[in-house]
Amino acid sequence: MPRSVNAVSAKKRRKKLLNQAKGFYGARSKLYTVAKNAVEKAFSYSYIGRKQKKRHLRQGWIIRINAAVRTFGLNYSKFVNILNNNNIKLNRKTISSLIMDDIDSFKQLYLNL
């Protein structure tokens, strides 16, 4: 009986991983073992980065709202408290886009509180 080897699928698996490591510096894109470690690390960083992206976007919205509200003599936390007390259910992204795109309607929102 002929010897069975896993050469085709093993080469395909290694080639796939080396393609994922394309653009990495030096041995990280050439040697399988080093590339495997680099790709694993890159995937963990990308997972963390997707979470941080959401965090940073929200921080930016809050900074923008705070800057806009301070022109009216309030700060961010008091403004959000007033919105909650008046049952206005606007999220930070919406308020931030209001500030950027249509400042007049944001002023109307503030004045009607």
Protein backbone atom coordinates (compact mmCIF):
# COMPACT_ATOMS: atom_id res chain seq x y z
CA MET A 1 0.00 0.00 0.00
CA PRO A 2 1.45 3.43 -0.92
CA ARG A 3 2.39 5.86 1.80
CA SER A 4 -0.19 8.58 2.42
CA VAL A 5 1.13 12.07 3.04
CA ASN A 6 -0.56 15.34 3.84
CA ALA A 7 1.65 17.45 1.57
CA VAL A 8 -1.01 19.13 -0.57
CA SER A 9 -3.25 20.31 2.25
CA ALA A 10 -0.27 21.20 4.47
CA LYS A 11 1.22 23.35 1.71
CA LYS A 12 -2.15 25.00 1.13
CA ARG A 13 -2.50 25.76 4.85
CA ARG A 14 1.01 27.22 5.08
CA LYS A 15 0.57 29.23 1.90
CA LYS A 16 -2.68 30.70 3.24
CA LEU A 17 -0.96 31.81 6.43
CA LEU A 18 2.02 33.29 4.55
CA ASN A 19 -0.41 35.23 2.36
CA GLN A 20 -1.97 36.67 5.53
CA ALA A 21 1.53 37.75 6.61
CA LYS A 22 2.22 39.60 3.36
CA GLY A 23 3.65 43.03 4.00
CA PHE A 24 5.12 42.08 7.36
CA TYR A 25 8.78 42.97 7.89
CA GLY A 26 11.58 40.43 7.33
CA ALA A 27 11.16 36.88 8.54
CA ARG A 28 7.66 37.66 9.76
CA SER A 29 6.49 37.37 6.16
CA LYS A 30 8.88 34.61 4.98
CA LEU A 31 9.27 31.91 7.62
CA TYR A 32 6.22 29.87 8.49
CA THR A 33 6.68 29.61 12.27
CA VAL A 34 7.57 33.27 12.71
CA ALA A 35 4.76 34.31 10.37
CA LYS A 36 2.27 32.17 12.28
CA ASN A 37 3.10 33.97 15.53
CA ALA A 38 2.97 37.37 13.83
CA VAL A 39 -0.43 36.67 12.25
CA GLU A 40 -1.87 35.43 15.56
CA LYS A 41 -0.66 38.61 17.25
CA ALA A 42 -2.04 40.75 14.42
CA PHE A 43 -5.44 39.09 14.72
CA SER A 44 -5.52 39.75 18.46
CA TYR A 45 -4.60 43.40 17.83
CA SER A 46 -7.32 43.70 15.20
CA TYR A 47 -9.90 42.27 17.60
CA ILE A 48 -8.87 44.76 20.28
CA GLY A 49 -8.78 47.55 17.69
CA ARG A 50 -12.38 46.96 16.67
CA LYS A 51 -13.43 47.50 20.29
CA GLN A 52 -11.22 50.60 20.68
CA LYS A 53 -12.62 52.10 17.48
CA LYS A 54 -16.12 52.18 18.96
CA ARG A 55 -14.75 53.66 22.18
CA HIS A 56 -12.85 56.42 20.37
CA LEU A 57 -15.82 57.33 18.19
CA ARG A 58 -18.02 57.74 21.26
CA GLN A 59 -15.34 59.87 22.96
CA GLY A 60 -15.24 62.11 19.88
CA TRP A 61 -19.01 62.56 19.92
CA ILE A 62 -18.93 63.48 23.61
CA ILE A 63 -16.11 65.99 23.06
CA ARG A 64 -18.03 67.60 20.19
CA ILE A 65 -21.26 67.82 22.23
CA ASN A 66 -19.39 69.26 25.21
CA ALA A 67 -17.74 71.94 23.04
CA ALA A 68 -21.07 72.93 21.48
CA VAL A 69 -22.98 73.02 24.75
CA ARG A 70 -20.34 75.12 26.51
CA THR A 71 -21.22 78.00 24.15
CA PHE A 72 -24.60 78.02 25.95
CA GLY A 73 -22.99 78.01 29.40
CA LEU A 74 -23.59 74.34 30.21
CA ASN A 75 -21.34 71.34 30.34
CA TYR A 76 -21.86 67.90 28.82
CA SER A 77 -23.10 66.08 31.90
CA LYS A 78 -25.69 68.72 32.75
CA PHE A 79 -26.89 68.77 29.13
CA VAL A 80 -27.33 65.00 29.06
CA ASN A 81 -29.11 65.14 32.41
CA ILE A 82 -31.55 67.75 31.03
CA LEU A 83 -32.19 65.57 27.97
CA ASN A 84 -32.90 62.55 30.17
CA ASN A 85 -35.20 64.51 32.47
CA ASN A 86 -37.21 65.74 29.45
CA ASN A 87 -37.43 62.20 27.99
CA ILE A 88 -35.53 63.11 24.84
CA LYS A 89 -34.07 59.87 23.50
CA LEU A 90 -31.30 61.03 21.18
CA ASN A 91 -28.03 59.16 21.18
CA ARG A 92 -24.66 60.87 21.17
CA LYS A 93 -23.98 60.09 17.51
CA THR A 94 -27.20 61.79 16.42
CA ILE A 95 -26.60 64.86 18.57
CA SER A 96 -23.04 65.10 17.26
CA SER A 97 -24.18 64.91 13.64
CA LEU A 98 -26.79 67.58 14.40
CA ILE A 99 -24.02 69.83 15.66
CA MET A 100 -21.87 69.20 12.60
CA ASP A 101 -24.54 69.36 9.90
CA ASP A 102 -27.30 71.59 11.20
CA ILE A 103 -26.30 73.81 14.10
CA ASP A 104 -29.56 75.78 13.90
CA SER A 105 -31.68 72.73 14.68
CA PHE A 106 -29.33 71.93 17.58
CA LYS A 107 -29.90 75.45 18.91
CA GLN A 108 -33.65 74.90 18.61
CA LEU A 109 -33.30 71.61 20.52
CA TYR A 110 -31.39 73.38 23.27
CA LEU A 111 -33.76 76.33 23.46
CA ASN A 112 -36.85 74.09 23.66
CA LEU A 113 -35.48 72.30 26.74
